[in-house]
C-alpha atoms as a PDB file:
ATOM      1  CA  MET A   1     -40.261 -60.279 -52.486  1.00  0.00           C
ATOM      2  CA  ASP A   2     -40.896 -63.783 -53.841  1.00  0.00           C
ATOM      3  CA  LEU A   3     -42.433 -62.217 -56.938  1.00  0.00           C
ATOM      4  CA  TYR A   4     -39.367 -62.817 -59.144  1.00  0.00           C
ATOM      5  CA  ASN A   5     -37.756 -65.826 -57.393  1.00  0.00           C
ATOM      6  CA  ASN A   6     -36.662 -68.546 -59.845  1.00  0.00           C
ATOM      7  CA  MET A   7     -38.094 -66.674 -62.846  1.00  0.00           C
ATOM      8  CA  GLU A   8     -36.196 -66.808 -66.113  1.00  0.00           C
ATOM      9  CA  PHE A   9     -36.019 -63.951 -68.590  1.00  0.00           C
ATOM     10  CA  GLU A  10     -35.061 -63.742 -72.239  1.00  0.00           C
ATOM     11  CA  LEU A  11     -32.609 -60.913 -72.908  1.00  0.00           C
ATOM     12  CA  LYS A  12     -33.227 -58.490 -75.753  1.00  0.00           C
ATOM     13  CA  GLY A  13     -30.500 -56.515 -77.518  1.00  0.00           C
ATOM     14  CA  SER A  14     -31.471 -53.387 -75.616  1.00  0.00           C
ATOM     15  CA  PHE A  15     -30.375 -54.961 -72.290  1.00  0.00           C
ATOM     16  CA  ILE A  16     -27.143 -52.989 -71.958  1.00  0.00           C
ATOM     17  CA  PRO A  17     -25.701 -54.828 -68.898  1.00  0.00           C
ATOM     18  CA  ASN A  18     -25.384 -58.056 -70.960  1.00  0.00           C
ATOM     19  CA  ILE A  19     -21.579 -58.284 -70.920  1.00  0.00           C
ATOM     20  CA  SER A  20     -21.560 -62.100 -71.172  1.00  0.00           C
ATOM     21  CA  ASN A  21     -23.592 -62.134 -74.424  1.00  0.00           C
ATOM     22  CA  SER A  22     -26.209 -64.357 -72.818  1.00  0.00           C
ATOM     23  CA  ASP A  23     -29.675 -64.927 -74.172  1.00  0.00           C
ATOM     24  CA  LYS A  24     -31.315 -65.727 -70.813  1.00  0.00           C
ATOM     25  CA  LEU A  25     -30.967 -64.957 -67.140  1.00  0.00           C
ATOM     26  CA  LYS A  26     -32.411 -66.537 -64.035  1.00  0.00           C
ATOM     27  CA  ILE A  27     -33.329 -64.849 -60.763  1.00  0.00           C
ATOM     28  CA  LEU A  28     -31.482 -66.501 -57.875  1.00  0.00           C
ATOM     29  CA  GLU A  29     -32.569 -64.311 -54.998  1.00  0.00           C
ATOM     30  CA  VAL A  30     -34.661 -61.225 -54.354  1.00  0.00           C
ATOM     31  CA  THR A  31     -34.272 -59.039 -51.291  1.00  0.00           C
ATOM     32  CA  GLU A  32     -36.099 -55.878 -50.333  1.00  0.00           C
ATOM     33  CA  GLY A  33     -33.838 -53.723 -52.483  1.00  0.00           C
ATOM     34  CA  SER A  34     -31.932 -55.985 -54.872  1.00  0.00           C
ATOM     35  CA  VAL A  35     -32.140 -58.838 -57.348  1.00  0.00           C
ATOM     36  CA  VAL A  36     -29.394 -61.480 -57.689  1.00  0.00           C
ATOM     37  CA  ILE A  37     -29.210 -62.946 -61.205  1.00  0.00           C
ATOM     38  CA  GLN A  38     -27.295 -65.633 -63.089  1.00  0.00           C
ATOM     39  CA  MET A  39     -26.841 -65.257 -66.844  1.00  0.00           C
ATOM     40  CA  ASN A  40     -26.783 -68.490 -68.834  1.00  0.00           C
ATOM     41  CA  ASN A  41     -23.331 -67.862 -70.409  1.00  0.00           C
ATOM     42  CA  SER A  42     -21.639 -66.872 -67.178  1.00  0.00           C
ATOM     43  CA  LYS A  43     -20.670 -68.650 -63.979  1.00  0.00           C
ATOM     44  CA  ARG A  44     -20.760 -65.366 -62.065  1.00  0.00           C
ATOM     45  CA  ARG A  45     -23.705 -63.745 -60.380  1.00  0.00           C
ATOM     46  CA  GLY A  46     -24.874 -60.200 -60.852  1.00  0.00           C
ATOM     47  CA  ILE A  47     -26.764 -57.901 -58.502  1.00  0.00           C
ATOM     48  CA  PHE A  48     -29.172 -55.183 -59.564  1.00  0.00           C
ATOM     49  CA  PRO A  49     -31.090 -52.685 -57.472  1.00  0.00           C
ATOM     50  CA  LEU A  50     -34.719 -53.838 -57.591  1.00  0.00           C
ATOM     51  CA  ASP A  51     -35.938 -50.603 -59.212  1.00  0.00           C
ATOM     52  CA  SER A  52     -33.277 -50.891 -61.927  1.00  0.00           C
ATOM     53  CA  PHE A  53     -34.290 -54.488 -62.658  1.00  0.00           C
ATOM     54  CA  GLN A  54     -37.946 -53.444 -62.919  1.00  0.00           C
ATOM     55  CA  TYR A  55     -36.899 -50.655 -65.318  1.00  0.00           C
ATOM     56  CA  TRP A  56     -35.390 -53.226 -67.721  1.00  0.00           C
ATOM     57  CA  ILE A  57     -38.605 -55.268 -67.568  1.00  0.00           C
ATOM     58  CA  LYS A  58     -40.767 -52.203 -68.330  1.00  0.00           C
ATOM     59  CA  ARG A  59     -38.529 -51.374 -71.329  1.00  0.00           C
ATOM     60  CA  ASN A  60     -39.103 -54.914 -72.664  1.00  0.00           C
ATOM     61  CA  SER A  61     -35.369 -55.589 -72.470  1.00  0.00           C
ATOM     62  CA  LEU A  62     -36.143 -58.535 -70.176  1.00  0.00           C
ATOM     63  CA  ILE A  63     -39.041 -60.751 -71.220  1.00  0.00           C
ATOM     64  CA  HIS A  64     -40.331 -63.292 -68.709  1.00  0.00           C
ATOM     65  CA  ILE A  65     -39.997 -66.643 -70.475  1.00  0.00           C
ATOM     66  CA  GLY A  66     -43.367 -67.885 -69.201  1.00  0.00           C
ATOM     67  CA  GLU A  67     -45.085 -64.800 -70.669  1.00  0.00           C
ATOM     68  CA  ASN A  68     -43.256 -65.169 -73.973  1.00  0.00           C
ATOM     69  CA  GLU A  69     -44.336 -68.813 -74.298  1.00  0.00           C
ATOM     70  CA  LYS A  70     -47.975 -67.854 -73.645  1.00  0.00           C
ATOM     71  CA  LYS A  71     -47.865 -65.205 -76.391  1.00  0.00           C
ATOM     72  CA  THR A  72     -46.456 -67.618 -78.972  1.00  0.00           C
ATOM     73  CA  SER A  73     -48.873 -70.474 -78.135  1.00  0.00           C
END
């Protein structure tokens, strides 16, 4: 479950749960069934079911910042 720990993601406009109008989020904790996130424009944490979080990644609504930097280099 350490796969996503401490990763940061850029948020695309198609990421519907973005109620804080953030442009990035960071993974704080990953458990067997959930992902705890912190959006950069919010002091509150959010929790997603792991499969839901993976869905947003597959839809390219969440772009891993490390991957994005590699593509633009």
